Amino acid sequence: MVKKGDEIKGYRIVSDPTTSGGGRCVWAFAEKSGGRYFIKQFLDPKWPTASSMGSPASKQARRNECLGFEERHRQVNQRINPTRAKGGNLVSAVDFFREDTTYYKVTERVEALSLRHLGGLPVRQVAVAIRTLCQSVRQLHRAGIVHGDLKPENVLLQRAPDTDHYLAKVIDFDDSYPTGTPPPPDQIVGDQRYGAPEWLSYVKQDESTKAADLTTAADVFTLALVIHVYLTGVLPGYDATRFGAAADAIRLGEPLQFDTRLSPALIELMRRMTALRPGDRPSLDGVQAALADDSLLRPVDGPRPGERTPPPPRREQVGRLRINMGG
């Protein structure tokens, strides 16, 4: 495992590596030729060498897994490379390589603000942040890529130069894949609290869900939950004594409880985004078009007539973990 002071392919590790928030990775900050970077060391898969344990057949099977891992990462990064048109809001890898048995991914280090949520900001500032978040995800979808692990921790907010606006940049594409071709279920480490119903079913290896069912529509479901967190600080409400995630509630016909201080039009949009059937969810083009109206993001004062605010004790508070993870 990498240590502070180590040098890997010219990248000098300048912080103590940690697994915090990294899934099956160790991450640290690094420097190279005056540049500042974020580097991940993948704990698996491991490339089997001639001296590795196992039969020739098992080694070949592991090599095949590694080759698939390499191809998926390279294909995703090629499609979302920031040098391509309108790629600036996607923090993609600047380097991806194998050193001996271990894979590494490097992104530029992004300095981000630590905002718990956007609820106290003026509507115009909220609108710009949410729209740039949606625009970032739409860039992915237009490239035919599913993010696969959207959550607030994988969105960085930056103050736009010479303005008071906040811009959203999307990071961490370790679980990303071309639409309809996700990695095997046992290789997915995304956050189940934000997963779409079909994604969660696939991860749990439910035979009724096929790989082809995991399309960009899964990100649309997740994006609705992320927007709710950004505007209220919490996930939509559901009975946590019965369901482990929002997707579980939806799969069993239990509607999510959206904060009624949000506008009726925004709640309706998020209900459509979290529909059980992927085909019933709007595309990111449709979401972006709806959010062009600032009034959707203007809160109302308290519950609307005939509605009650979901009780907060059953709603999981979502903190803002700022570790500036990239790639």
Protein backbone atom coordinates (compact mmCIF):
# COMPACT_ATOMS: atom_id res chain seq x y z
CA MET A 1 0.00 0.00 0.00
CA VAL A 2 1.27 3.49 -0.85
CA LYS A 3 2.78 5.65 1.89
CA LYS A 4 3.47 9.36 2.27
CA GLY A 5 6.75 10.09 0.51
CA ASP A 6 6.41 7.27 -2.02
CA GLU A 7 6.78 8.03 -5.72
CA ILE A 8 4.67 6.19 -8.29
CA LYS A 9 5.27 6.93 -11.97
CA GLY A 10 6.61 10.37 -11.03
CA TYR A 11 3.74 11.22 -8.65
CA ARG A 12 5.07 11.95 -5.16
CA ILE A 13 2.59 11.17 -2.37
CA VAL A 14 2.32 14.24 -0.11
CA SER A 15 -0.44 13.21 2.31
CA ASP A 16 -1.15 10.18 4.45
CA PRO A 17 -3.19 7.75 2.33
CA THR A 18 -6.67 6.88 3.58
CA THR A 19 -9.60 4.68 2.66
CA SER A 20 -12.15 7.21 4.01
CA GLY A 21 -14.98 7.50 1.50
CA GLY A 22 -12.91 5.63 -1.05
CA GLY A 23 -14.78 2.34 -1.37
CA ARG A 24 -12.26 -0.24 -2.49
CA CYS A 25 -9.52 2.35 -2.96
CA VAL A 26 -6.77 4.05 -1.01
CA TRP A 27 -6.42 7.72 -1.90
CA ALA A 28 -3.99 10.55 -1.23
CA PHE A 29 -2.80 13.86 -2.60
CA ALA A 30 0.25 13.92 -4.86
CA GLU A 31 2.52 16.30 -6.73
CA LYS A 32 4.31 15.98 -10.06
CA SER A 33 6.26 18.61 -12.02
CA GLY A 34 4.68 21.38 -9.95
CA GLY A 35 1.13 20.12 -10.45
CA ARG A 36 -1.19 19.08 -7.62
CA TYR A 37 -3.11 15.84 -7.99
CA PHE A 38 -5.45 13.37 -6.36
CA ILE A 39 -4.34 9.75 -6.73
CA LYS A 40 -6.23 6.52 -6.08
CA GLN A 41 -4.72 3.10 -5.56
CA PHE A 42 -7.25 0.38 -6.35
CA LEU A 43 -7.26 -2.48 -3.87
CA ASP A 44 -8.68 -4.79 -6.52
CA PRO A 45 -8.51 -6.21 -9.08
CA LYS A 46 -4.87 -7.27 -8.88
CA TRP A 47 -2.96 -8.32 -12.01
CA PRO A 48 -1.58 -11.82 -11.43
CA THR A 49 2.11 -12.16 -12.16
CA ALA A 50 4.02 -15.34 -12.98
CA SER A 51 4.84 -15.75 -9.28
CA SER A 52 1.26 -15.16 -8.07
CA MET A 53 -0.57 -18.00 -6.39
CA GLY A 54 -3.15 -20.01 -8.34
CA SER A 55 -3.45 -22.32 -11.29
CA PRO A 56 -2.80 -21.12 -14.85
CA ALA A 57 -6.56 -21.18 -15.46
CA SER A 58 -7.35 -19.08 -12.39
CA LYS A 59 -4.60 -16.61 -13.29
CA GLN A 60 -6.01 -16.24 -16.79
CA ALA A 61 -9.49 -15.66 -15.35
CA ARG A 62 -8.08 -12.88 -13.15
CA ARG A 63 -6.21 -11.38 -16.07
CA ASN A 64 -9.42 -11.33 -18.07
CA GLU A 65 -11.14 -9.53 -15.19
CA CYS A 66 -8.30 -6.99 -15.11
CA LEU A 67 -8.49 -6.44 -18.86
CA GLY A 68 -12.22 -5.78 -18.57
CA PHE A 69 -11.53 -3.34 -15.71
CA GLU A 70 -8.94 -1.52 -17.81
CA GLU A 71 -11.19 -1.33 -20.85
CA ARG A 72 -14.16 0.04 -18.90
CA HIS A 73 -12.07 2.78 -17.26
CA ARG A 74 -10.37 3.77 -20.48
CA GLN A 75 -13.61 3.79 -22.45
CA VAL A 76 -15.37 5.98 -19.87
CA ASN A 77 -12.48 8.41 -19.62
CA GLN A 78 -12.11 8.65 -23.39
CA ARG A 79 -15.76 9.62 -23.75
CA ILE A 80 -15.69 12.26 -21.00
CA ASN A 81 -12.20 13.60 -21.47
CA PRO A 82 -12.26 17.28 -20.41
CA THR A 83 -10.45 18.31 -23.59
CA ARG A 84 -13.58 17.36 -25.51
CA ALA A 85 -16.28 19.99 -26.06
CA LYS A 86 -18.15 21.05 -22.91
CA GLY A 87 -16.24 18.61 -20.73
CA GLY A 88 -15.08 21.08 -18.08
CA ASN A 89 -17.62 20.13 -15.39
CA LEU A 90 -16.56 16.46 -15.37
CA VAL A 91 -13.41 15.85 -13.35
CA SER A 92 -12.02 12.93 -15.31
CA ALA A 93 -8.70 11.12 -14.99
CA VAL A 94 -5.49 12.62 -16.35
CA ASP A 95 -3.69 9.31 -15.89
CA PHE A 96 -4.66 5.65 -15.43
CA PHE A 97 -2.00 2.98 -15.22
CA ARG A 98 -0.86 -0.28 -13.68
CA GLU A 99 2.32 -0.49 -11.61
CA ASP A 100 3.32 -4.12 -11.06
CA THR A 101 0.07 -5.76 -9.87
CA THR A 102 -1.79 -2.59 -8.84
CA TYR A 103 -3.92 -0.06 -10.73
CA TYR A 104 -3.83 3.70 -10.12
CA LYS A 105 -5.95 6.61 -11.28
CA VAL A 106 -4.94 10.28 -11.13
CA THR A 107 -7.03 13.45 -11.42
CA GLU A 108 -6.19 17.07 -10.95
CA ARG A 109 -6.76 18.23 -7.37
CA VAL A 110 -9.94 20.30 -7.23
CA GLU A 111 -10.40 22.89 -4.49
CA ALA A 112 -14.04 22.88 -3.47
CA LEU A 113 -16.33 24.64 -1.03
CA SER A 114 -17.83 22.77 1.90
CA LEU A 115 -21.53 23.60 1.79
CA ARG A 116 -23.84 21.40 3.85
CA HIS A 117 -26.74 22.29 1.55
CA LEU A 118 -28.05 25.17 -0.54
CA GLY A 119 -31.22 25.91 1.43
CA GLY A 120 -30.12 29.29 2.81
CA LEU A 121 -28.89 30.75 -0.48
CA PRO A 122 -30.82 33.12 -2.77
CA VAL A 123 -32.90 31.37 -5.42
CA ARG A 124 -30.65 32.54 -8.25
CA GLN A 125 -27.57 31.01 -6.65
CA VAL A 126 -29.44 27.78 -5.95
CA ALA A 127 -30.66 27.67 -9.55
CA VAL A 128 -27.17 28.02 -11.03
CA ALA A 129 -25.76 25.29 -8.77
CA ILE A 130 -28.56 22.82 -9.49
CA ARG A 131 -28.55 23.56 -13.22
CA THR A 132 -24.79 23.06 -13.53
CA LEU A 133 -25.15 19.79 -11.63
CA CYS A 134 -27.81 18.63 -14.10
CA GLN A 135 -25.75 19.90 -17.02
CA SER A 136 -22.77 17.87 -15.81
CA VAL A 137 -24.83 14.69 -15.65
CA ARG A 138 -26.38 15.50 -19.02
CA GLN A 139 -22.87 15.70 -20.51
CA LEU A 140 -22.27 12.17 -19.28
CA HIS A 141 -25.52 10.91 -20.73
CA ARG A 142 -24.91 12.52 -24.10
CA ALA A 143 -21.63 10.59 -24.16
CA GLY A 144 -23.59 7.41 -23.46
CA ILE A 145 -22.17 7.03 -19.94
CA VAL A 146 -23.98 6.21 -16.69
CA HIS A 147 -22.25 7.69 -13.63
CA GLY A 148 -23.32 4.79 -11.42
CA ASP A 149 -22.57 6.41 -8.04
CA LEU A 150 -24.10 9.88 -7.95
CA LYS A 151 -24.32 11.28 -4.42
CA PRO A 152 -23.50 14.62 -2.76
CA GLU A 153 -19.99 13.41 -1.89
CA ASN A 154 -19.31 13.02 -5.61
CA VAL A 155 -20.27 16.59 -6.47
CA LEU A 156 -17.85 19.45 -5.86
CA LEU A 157 -19.11 23.02 -5.63
CA GLN A 158 -16.82 25.83 -6.72
CA ARG A 159 -17.31 29.59 -6.68
CA ALA A 160 -17.33 30.85 -10.25
CA PRO A 161 -14.63 33.47 -10.92
CA ASP A 162 -15.75 37.07 -10.37
CA THR A 163 -19.33 36.06 -9.46
CA ASP A 164 -21.30 34.89 -6.45
CA HIS A 165 -22.50 31.77 -8.28
CA TYR A 166 -21.63 28.20 -7.33
CA LEU A 167 -20.85 25.70 -10.08
CA ALA A 168 -21.17 21.93 -9.66
CA LYS A 169 -18.49 19.54 -10.88
CA VAL A 170 -19.09 15.78 -10.93
CA ILE A 171 -16.30 13.44 -9.82
CA ASP A 172 -15.54 9.76 -9.15
CA PHE A 173 -16.27 7.66 -12.22
CA ASP A 174 -15.00 4.38 -10.79
CA ASP A 175 -18.44 2.78 -11.13
CA SER A 176 -19.31 4.48 -14.43
CA TYR A 177 -20.05 2.45 -17.54
CA PRO A 178 -21.49 2.74 -21.06
CA THR A 179 -25.26 2.64 -20.77
CA GLY A 180 -26.62 -0.89 -20.53
CA THR A 181 -23.24 -2.50 -19.82
CA PRO A 182 -22.49 -2.20 -16.08
CA PRO A 183 -19.67 -4.15 -14.41
CA PRO A 184 -20.59 -7.43 -12.70
CA PRO A 185 -22.69 -6.92 -9.53
CA ASP A 186 -19.90 -8.05 -7.20
CA GLN A 187 -17.62 -5.31 -8.57
CA ILE A 188 -20.03 -2.44 -7.82
CA VAL A 189 -19.50 -0.47 -4.62
CA GLY A 190 -21.92 2.45 -5.08
CA ASP A 191 -23.98 3.92 -2.23
CA GLN A 192 -27.24 1.95 -1.98
CA ARG A 193 -29.03 4.86 -0.28
CA TYR A 194 -29.01 6.67 -3.63
CA GLY A 195 -29.41 3.74 -6.00
CA ALA A 196 -32.30 3.41 -8.46
CA PRO A 197 -34.63 0.39 -8.07
CA GLU A 198 -33.19 -1.45 -11.08
CA TRP A 199 -29.63 -0.70 -9.93
CA LEU A 200 -30.32 -2.02 -6.44
CA SER A 201 -32.00 -5.12 -7.86
CA TYR A 202 -28.98 -5.77 -10.10
CA VAL A 203 -26.50 -5.28 -7.25
CA LYS A 204 -28.48 -7.77 -5.15
CA GLN A 205 -28.25 -10.17 -8.12
CA ASP A 206 -31.99 -10.40 -8.64
CA GLU A 207 -32.33 -12.50 -11.79
CA SER A 208 -35.30 -10.41 -12.95
CA THR A 209 -32.95 -7.48 -13.63
CA LYS A 210 -30.48 -7.71 -16.50
CA ALA A 211 -27.38 -5.65 -17.16
CA ALA A 212 -29.13 -4.01 -20.13
CA ASP A 213 -31.72 -2.57 -17.70
CA LEU A 214 -29.11 -0.27 -16.14
CA THR A 215 -29.24 2.77 -18.38
CA THR A 216 -28.86 6.51 -17.93
CA ALA A 217 -32.35 6.49 -16.38
CA ALA A 218 -30.76 5.08 -13.20
CA ASP A 219 -28.83 8.35 -12.81
CA VAL A 220 -32.07 10.34 -13.19
CA PHE A 221 -33.57 8.57 -10.16
CA THR A 222 -30.42 9.21 -8.13
CA LEU A 223 -30.19 12.84 -9.23
CA ALA A 224 -33.64 13.55 -7.76
CA LEU A 225 -32.41 12.33 -4.36
CA VAL A 226 -29.23 14.41 -4.63
CA ILE A 227 -31.20 17.55 -5.51
CA HIS A 228 -33.45 16.95 -2.48
CA VAL A 229 -30.38 16.69 -0.24
CA TYR A 230 -28.88 19.87 -1.67
CA LEU A 231 -32.10 21.82 -1.07
CA THR A 232 -33.09 20.40 2.33
CA GLY A 233 -30.04 18.69 3.82
CA VAL A 234 -31.78 15.29 3.97
CA LEU A 235 -32.96 12.49 1.73
CA PRO A 236 -36.67 12.24 0.91
CA GLY A 237 -38.59 10.52 3.69
CA TYR A 238 -39.49 6.83 3.78
CA ASP A 239 -40.14 4.32 6.55
CA ALA A 240 -36.60 3.36 7.58
CA THR A 241 -37.97 0.58 9.81
CA ARG A 242 -39.21 -1.21 6.67
CA PHE A 243 -36.88 -0.07 3.91
CA GLY A 244 -33.12 0.20 3.70
CA ALA A 245 -33.15 2.72 0.85
CA ALA A 246 -35.48 4.94 -1.16
CA ALA A 247 -35.37 2.40 -4.00
CA ASP A 248 -36.69 -0.34 -1.69
CA ALA A 249 -39.68 1.83 -0.80
CA ILE A 250 -40.42 2.61 -4.46
CA ARG A 251 -40.13 -1.05 -5.47
CA LEU A 252 -42.81 -1.98 -2.90
CA GLY A 253 -45.18 0.82 -3.90
CA GLU A 254 -44.39 3.20 -1.02
CA PRO A 255 -44.18 6.81 -2.28
CA LEU A 256 -41.30 8.95 -1.09
CA GLN A 257 -42.07 11.89 1.17
CA PHE A 258 -40.63 15.03 -0.37
CA ASP A 259 -40.22 18.09 1.82
CA THR A 260 -43.35 20.16 1.30
CA ARG A 261 -41.43 23.39 1.73
CA LEU A 262 -40.24 22.72 -1.82
CA SER A 263 -42.38 24.04 -4.64
CA PRO A 264 -45.25 21.82 -5.87
CA ALA A 265 -43.78 21.86 -9.39
CA LEU A 266 -40.37 20.68 -8.16
CA ILE A 267 -41.95 17.91 -6.07
CA GLU A 268 -43.87 16.74 -9.12
CA LEU A 269 -40.66 16.75 -11.18
CA MET A 270 -38.85 14.69 -8.55
CA ARG A 271 -41.75 12.23 -8.38
CA ARG A 272 -41.41 11.65 -12.12
CA MET A 273 -37.63 11.34 -11.79
CA THR A 274 -38.08 8.64 -9.13
CA ALA A 275 -40.68 6.60 -11.00
CA LEU A 276 -40.32 2.83 -10.59
CA ARG A 277 -40.11 2.15 -14.34
CA PRO A 278 -36.99 3.67 -15.95
CA GLY A 279 -38.97 4.47 -19.08
CA ASP A 280 -41.35 6.66 -17.07
CA ARG A 281 -38.56 8.97 -15.91
CA PRO A 282 -37.71 12.11 -17.89
CA SER A 283 -34.37 12.41 -19.63
CA LEU A 284 -31.80 14.92 -18.41
CA ASP A 285 -32.83 17.13 -21.32
CA GLY A 286 -36.36 17.17 -19.89
CA VAL A 287 -35.12 17.81 -16.34
CA GLN A 288 -32.91 20.66 -17.50
CA ALA A 289 -35.77 22.21 -19.47
CA ALA A 290 -38.06 22.10 -16.41
CA LEU A 291 -35.42 23.68 -14.18
CA ALA A 292 -35.06 26.62 -16.57
CA ASP A 293 -37.93 28.13 -14.58
CA ASP A 294 -36.50 29.66 -11.38
CA SER A 295 -39.88 29.37 -9.66
CA LEU A 296 -39.39 25.60 -9.31
CA LEU A 297 -36.53 26.23 -6.92
CA ARG A 298 -38.28 28.92 -4.89
CA PRO A 299 -39.39 27.43 -1.53
CA VAL A 300 -42.83 27.87 -0.09
CA ASP A 301 -43.44 28.85 3.54
CA GLY A 302 -44.27 25.69 5.45
CA PRO A 303 -46.53 22.84 4.35
CA ARG A 304 -49.06 23.39 1.59
CA PRO A 305 -52.75 23.13 2.53
CA GLY A 306 -53.81 19.55 3.13
CA GLU A 307 -50.23 18.26 3.44
CA ARG A 308 -48.00 17.68 6.39
CA THR A 309 -44.23 17.84 6.61
CA PRO A 310 -42.68 14.34 6.87
CA PRO A 311 -41.49 13.68 10.44
CA PRO A 312 -37.72 14.27 10.56
CA PRO A 313 -36.72 11.50 13.04
CA ARG A 314 -37.07 8.80 10.35
CA ARG A 315 -35.14 10.75 7.75
CA GLU A 316 -31.44 10.19 7.56
CA GLN A 317 -29.31 13.30 7.87
CA VAL A 318 -26.77 13.49 5.07
CA GLY A 319 -23.52 15.26 5.87
CA ARG A 320 -21.21 16.93 3.37
CA LEU A 321 -18.04 14.89 3.20
CA ARG A 322 -15.46 17.02 1.43
CA ILE A 323 -12.48 14.89 0.51
CA ASN A 324 -12.05 16.26 -3.02
CA MET A 325 -12.12 12.82 -4.60
CA GLY A 326 -11.76 12.82 -8.35
CA GLY A 327 -11.93 10.60 -11.38
